[in-house]
Amino acid sequence: MSAPTPRRVIVVMTDQHARYASGAYGSSSVQTPHLDALAQQGTTFDAASCPSPMCVPSRASIMTGRPVHEIGAWDNAHPYDGTPRGWAHAVRDAGLRTTVIGKMHFRSAEDDTGFDETLLPLDVSDGVGDVYSLVRDDMPARPALADLVRGAGVGESPYLAFDRSVADRACEWLDSAPQDQSWALLVSFATPHHPLVVPQEYWDLYADTDLGEVGEPPQEQHPYPAELRRVMGVDTAFSTEEIARARRAYFGLCTLADELVGQVIERARLNGFDLDSTLVVYTSDHGTSLGERGLWWKHHLYEESVGVPLIVAGPGFAHGTRVSQPVSLTSVYPTVLSTLSVEDEREPSPVTTPTLPASDAVPAHPAGGFAEYHGLGASSAAFMLRRGRFKLIYFATQPPQLFDLRADPEERRDLAGDPTHADTLQDLTRELRLLLDPEAVDRQARRDQAVLIERYGGRAAILSEGFRIPFTPPPKADGS
């Protein structure tokens, strides 16, 4: 009997790549030829959501296949330390090689997160992260964030140099990767996360590009986005030119990230790791706002923040197909294990999602359209649930929102107060409560955050220190 054909998995992640900023998702402005080509070779998920629109909690959920509230990864001060066990542990324990290269926002490279090799790690600062994100009530504004918008333009940053090193190291790894073994490789880039500075060649690509209109913020806003704008220091409108420069720089960063992702995928192909035996997954930890509703960055559950690109090519995923049903990045966990024939020994819960569907013929999972947020700027915990064309955003202490994503993809018309949609609102709320108790989860998050607030000297001490970058400076190309 011949030995089974080795299977490999390559997961490639970027940071803060919004779903809409890709040609594979219909953008006529953003140039992403390598991702577009990958989409033609596999399956594109049109309604993929991150578990939480914040770096640390989203990545912890992706690794463990568990939602934020089940693992207590509430914010950027609760980094993943290898508990609970993630898909890398399961793959390694099955005797297969596991490697991670690049930015993962874990607590420390010294923790056992399931990887045999950790190369060029970029984790949270001092094993702590951003304790400022623990304080959620009566927060002072952070006007320095507005400077990130006004400072957009041509330039270099340590993160761009770091990402080039990550791509080089990943290509080197693939050059020496075993041909006769199954293995899992995770490659994670920092771009297109801000700062919004981009080399001249990528800036020039968008000299004559339609950068899109963001529209005016609603005059009567829901309290959540209104408070978020104030806390993030962006409640004073930017000029048309400032918004255009920020969007142009971000689009350039998306193209740069696309090129780096393309280098890794092409090197895998050149080394014989073709899609007959190698699963390639591309995604991002969350999206970003670029002025829509007057919002910037993430921290909310509107589509530009919670929606992410997800393209999967390889065994089991047909060329050029699209899946429209909502899916969560927590499904990366069982998909990796299934591809590598590793048994999933987790105890399931109502929010445990299955392997990614290869087509819409597979029934949608109840938790496929679920996401949540408990971090910086969230005076109220927020929960999302998608069903078909409708999307509920449920707030623990504020009124809910309801959107028809087919008729209103930009989520400008809140239907929660419309009597003709009362049944839909009621049905989605009931379905959400079958997955979890939102108010109880909010109370638990606040209790856990209060413990850390006390540990780090109390509210006054944290606020006096101010916001801290939640990750360590990028290592040099030699790993130092």
Protein backbone atom coordinates (compact mmCIF):
# COMPACT_ATOMS: atom_id res chain seq x y z
CA MET A 1 0.00 0.00 0.00
CA SER A 2 1.41 3.37 -1.01
CA ALA A 3 1.89 6.10 1.57
CA PRO A 4 -0.79 8.82 1.66
CA THR A 5 -0.01 11.98 -0.27
CA PRO A 6 1.36 14.65 2.09
CA ARG A 7 -0.98 17.56 2.73
CA ARG A 8 0.15 21.07 3.60
CA VAL A 9 -1.61 24.18 4.82
CA ILE A 10 -0.36 27.73 4.26
CA VAL A 11 -2.34 30.40 6.09
CA VAL A 12 -1.41 33.95 5.08
CA MET A 13 -2.74 36.85 7.13
CA THR A 14 -2.52 40.59 6.84
CA ASP A 15 -3.54 43.18 9.40
CA GLN A 16 -6.51 45.50 8.86
CA HIS A 17 -7.33 44.60 5.26
CA ALA A 18 -10.98 45.45 4.68
CA ARG A 19 -12.95 43.12 2.46
CA TYR A 20 -13.94 45.89 0.05
CA ALA A 21 -10.30 46.84 -0.69
CA SER A 22 -9.61 44.08 -3.19
CA GLY A 23 -10.33 43.43 -6.82
CA ALA A 24 -11.48 39.95 -5.83
CA TYR A 25 -14.37 41.62 -4.00
CA GLY A 26 -15.35 43.89 -6.85
CA SER A 27 -13.20 46.95 -6.25
CA SER A 28 -12.36 48.78 -9.45
CA SER A 29 -9.97 51.05 -7.53
CA VAL A 30 -7.70 48.86 -5.39
CA GLN A 31 -5.08 46.86 -7.30
CA THR A 32 -4.62 43.35 -5.83
CA PRO A 33 -3.68 41.15 -8.80
CA HIS A 34 -2.23 38.29 -6.73
CA LEU A 35 -5.29 37.94 -4.52
CA ASP A 36 -7.49 38.21 -7.59
CA ALA A 37 -5.55 35.33 -9.16
CA LEU A 38 -5.88 33.25 -5.98
CA ALA A 39 -9.64 33.85 -6.04
CA GLN A 40 -9.78 32.46 -9.57
CA GLN A 41 -8.00 29.33 -8.34
CA GLY A 42 -10.24 28.73 -5.34
CA THR A 43 -13.25 29.87 -3.34
CA THR A 44 -14.02 33.45 -2.34
CA PHE A 45 -16.21 34.00 0.73
CA ASP A 46 -18.34 37.08 0.16
CA ALA A 47 -19.61 37.41 3.74
CA ALA A 48 -16.67 36.44 5.97
CA SER A 49 -16.42 38.22 9.32
CA CYS A 50 -13.66 38.43 11.87
CA PRO A 51 -14.53 37.21 15.38
CA SER A 52 -13.91 40.69 16.82
CA PRO A 53 -12.75 43.90 15.11
CA MET A 54 -9.59 44.29 17.19
CA CYS A 55 -6.19 42.68 16.67
CA VAL A 56 -5.58 40.67 19.84
CA PRO A 57 -9.05 39.16 20.41
CA SER A 58 -9.57 38.36 16.74
CA ARG A 59 -6.27 36.50 16.44
CA ALA A 60 -6.89 34.55 19.64
CA SER A 61 -10.26 33.42 18.24
CA ILE A 62 -8.77 32.47 14.89
CA MET A 63 -6.15 30.33 16.60
CA THR A 64 -8.53 28.60 19.01
CA GLY A 65 -11.65 28.39 16.86
CA ARG A 66 -13.55 29.85 19.82
CA PRO A 67 -15.46 33.14 20.08
CA VAL A 68 -14.01 35.89 22.24
CA HIS A 69 -16.46 35.42 25.10
CA GLU A 70 -15.57 31.73 25.50
CA ILE A 71 -11.83 32.37 25.85
CA GLY A 72 -11.86 35.76 27.62
CA ALA A 73 -9.80 37.50 24.93
CA TRP A 74 -11.78 40.70 25.38
CA ASP A 75 -9.38 43.39 24.17
CA ASN A 76 -5.78 44.28 23.35
CA ALA A 77 -4.76 43.69 26.99
CA HIS A 78 -5.85 40.01 26.97
CA PRO A 79 -3.34 38.44 24.54
CA TYR A 80 -3.28 34.77 23.61
CA ASP A 81 -0.80 32.75 25.67
CA GLY A 82 -1.55 29.30 24.30
CA THR A 83 -4.63 28.74 26.46
CA PRO A 84 -6.97 27.30 25.41
CA ARG A 85 -5.21 25.06 22.96
CA GLY A 86 -5.40 26.11 19.34
CA TRP A 87 -5.23 24.46 15.94
CA ALA A 88 -1.44 24.62 15.97
CA HIS A 89 -1.35 22.48 19.12
CA ALA A 90 -3.60 19.87 17.53
CA VAL A 91 -1.54 19.75 14.34
CA ARG A 92 1.75 19.52 16.24
CA ASP A 93 0.43 16.84 18.58
CA ALA A 94 -0.48 14.79 15.52
CA GLY A 95 3.23 14.72 14.68
CA LEU A 96 3.19 17.40 11.97
CA ARG A 97 5.51 20.38 11.73
CA THR A 98 4.06 23.80 12.61
CA THR A 99 5.70 27.16 11.91
CA VAL A 100 4.63 30.77 12.38
CA ILE A 101 6.40 33.71 10.79
CA GLY A 102 5.59 37.34 11.57
CA LYS A 103 3.09 39.42 13.52
CA MET A 104 0.60 37.52 15.65
CA HIS A 105 -0.08 39.74 18.69
CA PHE A 106 0.41 36.82 21.07
CA ARG A 107 1.54 37.45 24.65
CA SER A 108 5.09 36.25 24.10
CA ALA A 109 7.16 34.07 21.80
CA GLU A 110 8.13 32.18 24.95
CA ASP A 111 4.57 30.86 25.38
CA ASP A 112 3.61 27.52 23.90
CA THR A 113 1.12 28.55 21.22
CA GLY A 114 1.45 25.26 19.38
CA PHE A 115 4.26 26.09 16.96
CA ASP A 116 7.51 24.16 16.61
CA GLU A 117 9.10 27.27 15.10
CA THR A 118 8.42 30.95 15.74
CA LEU A 119 10.29 33.20 13.32
CA LEU A 120 10.36 37.02 13.38
CA PRO A 121 7.72 37.19 16.14
CA LEU A 122 5.84 40.45 16.68
CA ASP A 123 3.80 40.20 19.87
CA VAL A 124 2.19 42.57 22.36
CA SER A 125 4.48 44.95 24.21
CA ASP A 126 6.03 43.58 27.40
CA GLY A 127 3.55 40.71 27.39
CA VAL A 128 0.89 43.24 28.43
CA GLY A 129 -0.51 45.00 25.39
CA ASP A 130 -2.68 48.09 25.48
CA VAL A 131 -4.11 48.48 29.00
CA TYR A 132 -5.76 51.69 27.87
CA SER A 133 -8.33 49.57 26.05
CA LEU A 134 -9.50 48.19 29.41
CA VAL A 135 -11.13 51.50 30.35
CA ARG A 136 -14.45 51.70 28.52
CA ASP A 137 -16.60 54.20 30.44
CA ASP A 138 -16.24 57.99 30.39
CA MET A 139 -13.08 57.75 28.34
CA PRO A 140 -11.14 60.87 27.44
CA ALA A 141 -10.67 61.56 23.75
CA ARG A 142 -7.51 60.50 21.94
CA PRO A 143 -6.90 63.32 19.45
CA ALA A 144 -3.51 61.88 18.50
CA LEU A 145 -5.34 59.32 16.37
CA ALA A 146 -6.50 62.12 14.11
CA ASP A 147 -2.85 62.82 13.38
CA LEU A 148 -2.61 59.37 11.80
CA VAL A 149 -5.15 60.49 9.22
CA ARG A 150 -3.59 63.91 8.65
CA GLY A 151 -0.12 62.37 8.40
CA ALA A 152 -0.99 60.06 5.49
CA GLY A 153 1.28 60.21 2.49
CA VAL A 154 4.55 59.02 0.98
CA GLY A 155 7.15 57.40 3.22
CA GLU A 156 8.55 54.31 4.88
CA SER A 157 7.81 52.80 8.27
CA PRO A 158 9.39 50.04 10.39
CA TYR A 159 6.38 47.85 9.63
CA LEU A 160 7.01 47.92 5.90
CA ALA A 161 10.62 46.86 6.42
CA PHE A 162 9.41 44.16 8.80
CA ASP A 163 6.91 42.82 6.28
CA ARG A 164 9.55 42.56 3.59
CA SER A 165 11.63 40.52 6.04
CA VAL A 166 8.62 38.30 6.77
CA ALA A 167 8.12 37.62 3.06
CA ASP A 168 11.82 36.84 2.60
CA ARG A 169 11.90 34.50 5.60
CA ALA A 170 8.73 32.71 4.44
CA CYS A 171 10.21 32.18 0.98
CA GLU A 172 13.42 30.82 2.51
CA TRP A 173 11.39 28.46 4.67
CA LEU A 174 9.48 27.19 1.66
CA ASP A 175 12.74 26.59 -0.21
CA SER A 176 13.76 24.06 2.44
CA ALA A 177 10.33 22.74 3.45
CA PRO A 178 10.04 18.93 3.40
CA GLN A 179 8.47 17.54 0.25
CA ASP A 180 7.49 14.20 1.76
CA GLN A 181 5.75 15.45 4.91
CA SER A 182 2.55 17.20 5.88
CA TRP A 183 2.95 20.53 7.67
CA ALA A 184 1.25 23.83 8.53
CA LEU A 185 2.77 27.27 7.92
CA LEU A 186 1.28 30.56 9.16
CA VAL A 187 2.68 33.76 7.61
CA SER A 188 1.42 37.04 9.05
CA PHE A 189 2.10 40.56 7.79
CA ALA A 190 1.59 43.93 9.51
CA THR A 191 0.32 45.86 6.48
CA PRO A 192 -2.02 47.48 5.50
CA HIS A 193 -2.38 48.55 9.15
CA HIS A 194 -1.58 52.21 9.79
CA PRO A 195 0.62 54.30 9.84
CA LEU A 196 -0.74 55.42 6.50
CA VAL A 197 2.60 55.95 4.80
CA VAL A 198 3.51 54.13 1.63
CA PRO A 199 6.50 54.14 -0.75
CA GLN A 200 6.33 56.52 -3.68
CA GLU A 201 5.75 53.80 -6.30
CA TYR A 202 2.56 52.63 -4.58
CA TRP A 203 1.37 56.19 -3.97
CA ASP A 204 1.81 56.93 -7.66
CA LEU A 205 -0.33 53.93 -8.63
CA TYR A 206 -3.37 55.80 -7.34
CA ALA A 207 -2.68 59.23 -8.80
CA ASP A 208 -5.70 59.09 -11.10
CA THR A 209 -7.87 56.62 -9.16
CA ASP A 210 -11.40 57.20 -7.95
CA LEU A 211 -10.84 56.95 -4.20
CA GLY A 212 -14.54 56.76 -3.41
CA GLU A 213 -16.91 58.94 -1.43
CA VAL A 214 -17.44 58.42 2.28
CA GLY A 215 -20.52 60.62 2.68
CA GLU A 216 -21.45 62.74 5.67
CA PRO A 217 -21.97 61.19 9.13
CA PRO A 218 -25.70 60.84 9.92
CA GLN A 219 -27.04 63.90 11.70
CA GLU A 220 -28.87 61.75 14.23
CA GLN A 221 -26.38 59.04 15.07
CA HIS A 222 -26.79 55.97 17.19
CA PRO A 223 -24.96 56.62 20.49
CA TYR A 224 -22.33 53.94 19.81
CA PRO A 225 -20.71 55.42 16.66
CA ALA A 226 -21.14 58.94 18.05
CA GLU A 227 -19.25 58.03 21.23
CA LEU A 228 -16.64 56.07 19.26
CA ARG A 229 -15.89 59.10 17.08
CA ARG A 230 -15.41 61.23 20.19
CA VAL A 231 -13.19 58.71 21.99
CA MET A 232 -11.05 58.13 18.91
CA GLY A 233 -10.56 61.88 18.52
CA VAL A 234 -12.12 62.04 15.06
CA ASP A 235 -15.38 63.83 15.84
CA THR A 236 -14.09 66.93 14.03
CA ALA A 237 -14.51 66.40 10.30
CA PHE A 238 -11.45 66.01 8.11
CA SER A 239 -11.11 67.92 4.89
CA THR A 240 -11.85 66.27 1.56
CA GLU A 241 -8.13 66.37 0.78
CA GLU A 242 -7.15 64.75 4.09
CA ILE A 243 -9.62 61.92 3.56
CA ALA A 244 -8.42 61.41 -0.02
CA ARG A 245 -4.77 61.22 1.04
CA ALA A 246 -5.57 58.70 3.77
CA ARG A 247 -7.54 56.49 1.42
CA ARG A 248 -4.88 56.74 -1.27
CA ALA A 249 -2.16 55.67 1.17
CA TYR A 250 -4.28 52.78 2.44
CA PHE A 251 -5.01 51.57 -1.07
CA GLY A 252 -1.27 51.70 -1.80
CA LEU A 253 -0.58 49.64 1.32
CA CYS A 254 -3.13 47.07 0.15
CA THR A 255 -1.27 46.72 -3.15
CA LEU A 256 2.05 46.41 -1.33
CA ALA A 257 0.58 43.71 0.93
CA ASP A 258 -0.81 41.94 -2.14
CA GLU A 259 2.65 41.79 -3.67
CA LEU A 260 4.15 40.29 -0.50
CA VAL A 261 1.37 37.70 -0.27
CA GLY A 262 1.94 36.91 -3.93
CA GLN A 263 5.64 36.30 -3.32
CA VAL A 264 4.85 33.67 -0.70
CA ILE A 265 2.21 31.91 -2.79
CA GLU A 266 4.44 31.88 -5.89
CA ARG A 267 7.40 30.51 -3.94
CA ALA A 268 5.22 27.69 -2.66
CA ARG A 269 4.22 26.86 -6.24
CA LEU A 270 7.82 26.94 -7.47
CA ASN A 271 8.77 24.49 -4.75
CA GLY A 272 6.13 22.02 -5.87
CA PHE A 273 3.53 22.74 -3.21
CA ASP A 274 0.67 23.02 -5.68
CA LEU A 275 -3.03 23.32 -4.94
CA ASP A 276 -3.62 19.61 -5.49
CA SER A 277 -2.02 18.91 -2.12
CA THR A 278 -1.66 22.31 -0.46
CA LEU A 279 -4.45 24.39 1.05
CA VAL A 280 -3.81 28.14 0.83
CA VAL A 281 -5.91 30.41 3.05
CA TYR A 282 -5.73 34.19 2.77
CA THR A 283 -7.46 36.47 5.26
CA SER A 284 -6.99 39.41 7.63
CA ASP A 285 -7.63 39.84 11.34
CA HIS A 286 -10.20 42.62 10.79
CA GLY A 287 -11.08 45.43 8.41
CA THR A 288 -10.96 49.21 8.74
CA SER A 289 -13.05 52.32 8.29
CA LEU A 290 -11.70 55.09 6.09
CA GLY A 291 -14.12 57.87 6.93
CA GLU A 292 -17.44 56.07 6.44
CA ARG A 293 -19.97 57.41 8.99
CA GLY A 294 -17.12 59.65 10.15
CA LEU A 295 -15.37 56.59 11.61
CA TRP A 296 -11.76 55.52 11.27
CA TRP A 297 -9.92 52.27 12.03
CA LYS A 298 -12.00 49.43 13.50
CA HIS A 299 -13.71 48.94 16.92
CA HIS A 300 -17.25 48.51 15.56
CA LEU A 301 -19.43 45.95 13.80
CA TYR A 302 -20.25 47.74 10.56
CA GLU A 303 -19.11 45.86 7.48
CA GLU A 304 -15.99 47.87 6.67
CA SER A 305 -14.60 47.01 10.13
CA VAL A 306 -15.88 43.48 10.77
CA GLY A 307 -15.88 42.24 7.17
CA VAL A 308 -12.67 40.59 5.96
CA PRO A 309 -11.41 38.98 2.76
CA LEU A 310 -11.31 35.19 2.91
CA ILE A 311 -10.02 33.27 -0.08
CA VAL A 312 -9.32 29.53 0.13
CA ALA A 313 -7.70 27.48 -2.63
CA GLY A 314 -6.63 23.86 -2.63
CA PRO A 315 -8.10 20.43 -1.88
CA GLY A 316 -11.88 20.56 -1.59
CA PHE A 317 -12.33 24.09 -2.94
CA ALA A 318 -13.28 24.46 -6.59
CA HIS A 319 -11.76 27.01 -8.95
CA GLY A 320 -13.49 30.37 -9.26
CA THR A 321 -16.38 29.65 -6.89
CA ARG A 322 -18.02 32.07 -4.46
CA VAL A 323 -19.85 31.43 -1.21
CA SER A 324 -22.42 34.03 -0.18
CA GLN A 325 -23.47 32.67 3.21
CA PRO A 326 -21.98 34.28 6.34
CA VAL A 327 -18.90 32.56 7.75
CA SER A 328 -16.59 33.30 10.64
CA LEU A 329 -12.81 33.11 10.77
CA THR A 330 -13.23 30.70 13.69
CA SER A 331 -13.87 28.15 10.91
CA VAL A 332 -10.20 28.33 9.93
CA TYR A 333 -9.49 26.02 12.90
CA PRO A 334 -11.58 23.01 11.79
CA THR A 335 -10.67 23.60 8.13
CA VAL A 336 -6.95 23.34 8.85
CA LEU A 337 -7.46 20.18 10.90
CA SER A 338 -9.72 18.59 8.30
CA THR A 339 -7.23 19.25 5.50
CA LEU A 340 -4.42 17.64 7.48
CA SER A 341 -6.62 14.73 8.65
CA VAL A 342 -6.16 15.75 12.29
CA GLU A 343 -9.00 14.91 14.66
CA ASP A 344 -10.80 17.83 16.30
CA GLU A 345 -11.13 16.90 19.95
CA ARG A 346 -12.74 20.12 21.20
CA GLU A 347 -16.05 20.07 23.01
CA PRO A 348 -18.48 21.96 20.74
CA SER A 349 -20.65 24.82 21.93
CA PRO A 350 -23.53 26.72 20.24
CA VAL A 351 -20.96 29.13 18.80
CA THR A 352 -18.51 26.49 17.52
CA THR A 353 -18.41 26.85 13.74
CA PRO A 354 -17.74 23.98 11.32
CA THR A 355 -15.26 23.72 8.44
CA LEU A 356 -15.60 26.36 5.76
CA PRO A 357 -18.30 25.37 3.25
CA ALA A 358 -17.12 24.64 -0.28
CA SER A 359 -20.37 26.03 -1.71
CA ASP A 360 -23.72 27.50 -0.73
CA ALA A 361 -25.20 24.02 -1.05
CA VAL A 362 -23.92 23.42 2.48
CA PRO A 363 -26.48 24.80 4.98
CA ALA A 364 -25.38 27.97 6.77
CA HIS A 365 -24.31 27.51 10.39
CA PRO A 366 -26.17 29.53 13.09
CA ALA A 367 -22.90 31.05 14.36
CA GLY A 368 -21.45 31.74 10.91
CA GLY A 369 -22.54 35.38 11.01
CA PHE A 370 -21.61 36.04 14.64
CA ALA A 371 -19.08 38.59 15.94
CA GLU A 372 -18.63 40.64 19.11
CA TYR A 373 -16.67 43.57 20.51
CA HIS A 374 -15.73 44.56 24.07
CA GLY A 375 -12.64 46.75 23.71
CA LEU A 376 -11.42 50.29 23.25
CA GLY A 377 -14.19 52.85 22.76
CA ALA A 378 -16.99 50.37 23.49
CA SER A 379 -19.08 51.93 26.24
CA SER A 380 -21.52 49.11 25.44
CA ALA A 381 -20.65 45.56 24.44
CA ALA A 382 -21.70 44.92 20.85
CA PHE A 383 -22.80 41.68 19.19
CA MET A 384 -23.53 40.94 15.53
CA LEU A 385 -25.63 38.28 13.86
CA ARG A 386 -26.26 37.94 10.12
CA ARG A 387 -29.10 35.96 8.56
CA GLY A 388 -29.52 36.16 4.82
CA ARG A 389 -29.95 39.79 3.83
CA PHE A 390 -30.46 41.08 7.38
CA LYS A 391 -27.89 41.96 10.01
CA LEU A 392 -28.52 42.65 13.69
CA ILE A 393 -26.13 44.67 15.86
CA TYR A 394 -27.19 44.15 19.46
CA PHE A 395 -25.85 46.38 22.21
CA ALA A 396 -25.88 45.32 25.85
CA THR A 397 -26.81 48.80 27.11
CA GLN A 398 -27.94 50.69 23.99
CA PRO A 399 -30.71 50.31 21.38
CA PRO A 400 -30.18 47.63 18.69
CA GLN A 401 -29.59 48.28 15.01
CA LEU A 402 -30.94 46.33 12.03
CA PHE A 403 -29.74 46.59 8.44
CA ASP A 404 -30.83 45.11 5.13
CA LEU A 405 -27.45 44.46 3.50
CA ARG A 406 -28.96 43.69 0.13
CA ALA A 407 -30.88 46.95 -0.18
CA ASP A 408 -28.47 49.00 1.93
CA PRO A 409 -24.94 47.53 1.75
CA GLU A 410 -23.40 50.67 3.25
CA GLU A 411 -25.62 50.35 6.36
CA ARG A 412 -26.96 53.88 6.23
CA ARG A 413 -30.60 53.06 7.08
CA ASP A 414 -31.22 51.59 10.52
CA LEU A 415 -34.45 49.55 10.40
CA ALA A 416 -34.63 48.68 14.10
CA GLY A 417 -37.35 51.26 14.71
CA ASP A 418 -39.32 50.42 11.57
CA PRO A 419 -42.58 48.58 12.51
CA THR A 420 -42.52 46.67 9.23
CA HIS A 421 -39.29 44.98 10.34
CA ALA A 422 -40.27 44.32 13.95
CA ASP A 423 -40.61 40.57 13.37
CA THR A 424 -37.17 40.36 11.79
CA LEU A 425 -35.64 42.25 14.70
CA GLN A 426 -37.38 39.98 17.18
CA ASP A 427 -36.37 36.80 15.34
CA LEU A 428 -32.70 37.78 15.07
CA THR A 429 -32.57 38.81 18.70
CA ARG A 430 -34.02 35.47 19.73
CA GLU A 431 -31.48 33.62 17.56
CA LEU A 432 -28.64 35.63 19.09
CA ARG A 433 -29.81 34.63 22.58
CA LEU A 434 -29.68 30.98 21.56
CA LEU A 435 -25.93 31.47 21.07
CA LEU A 436 -25.21 33.43 24.27
CA ASP A 437 -26.60 35.77 26.94
CA PRO A 438 -25.33 39.19 25.78
CA GLU A 439 -25.85 40.96 29.10
CA ALA A 440 -24.16 38.18 31.08
CA VAL A 441 -21.21 38.20 28.68
CA ASP A 442 -20.90 41.97 29.04
CA ARG A 443 -20.82 41.65 32.83
CA GLN A 444 -18.10 38.98 32.65
CA ALA A 445 -15.98 41.10 30.29
CA ARG A 446 -16.21 44.07 32.64
CA ARG A 447 -15.29 41.92 35.65
CA ASP A 448 -12.21 40.56 33.87
CA GLN A 449 -11.23 44.03 32.70
CA ALA A 450 -11.67 45.43 36.21
CA VAL A 451 -9.20 42.85 37.54
CA LEU A 452 -6.55 44.03 35.10
CA ILE A 453 -7.33 47.69 35.72
CA GLU A 454 -6.58 47.14 39.41
CA ARG A 455 -3.46 45.10 38.59
CA TYR A 456 -2.05 47.94 36.52
CA GLY A 457 -2.61 50.63 39.14
CA GLY A 458 -6.22 51.67 38.63
CA ARG A 459 -8.14 53.80 36.16
CA ALA A 460 -6.33 57.06 36.94
CA ALA A 461 -2.89 55.51 36.52
CA ILE A 462 -3.84 53.90 33.20
CA LEU A 463 -5.32 57.10 31.79
CA SER A 464 -2.38 59.19 32.95
CA GLU A 465 0.00 56.86 31.10
CA GLY A 466 -2.10 57.16 27.98
CA PHE A 467 -2.47 54.91 24.98
CA ARG A 468 0.44 52.59 24.35
CA ILE A 469 1.28 50.81 21.13
CA PRO A 470 -0.09 47.32 21.81
CA PHE A 471 2.81 45.48 20.23
CA THR A 472 6.58 45.47 20.43
CA PRO A 473 8.70 47.22 17.79
CA PRO A 474 9.29 45.06 14.72
CA PRO A 475 12.43 42.91 14.92
CA LYS A 476 15.23 43.50 12.50
CA ALA A 477 15.65 41.34 9.45
CA ASP A 478 18.03 39.06 11.35
CA GLY A 479 15.37 38.39 13.97
CA SER A 480 16.98 40.52 16.69
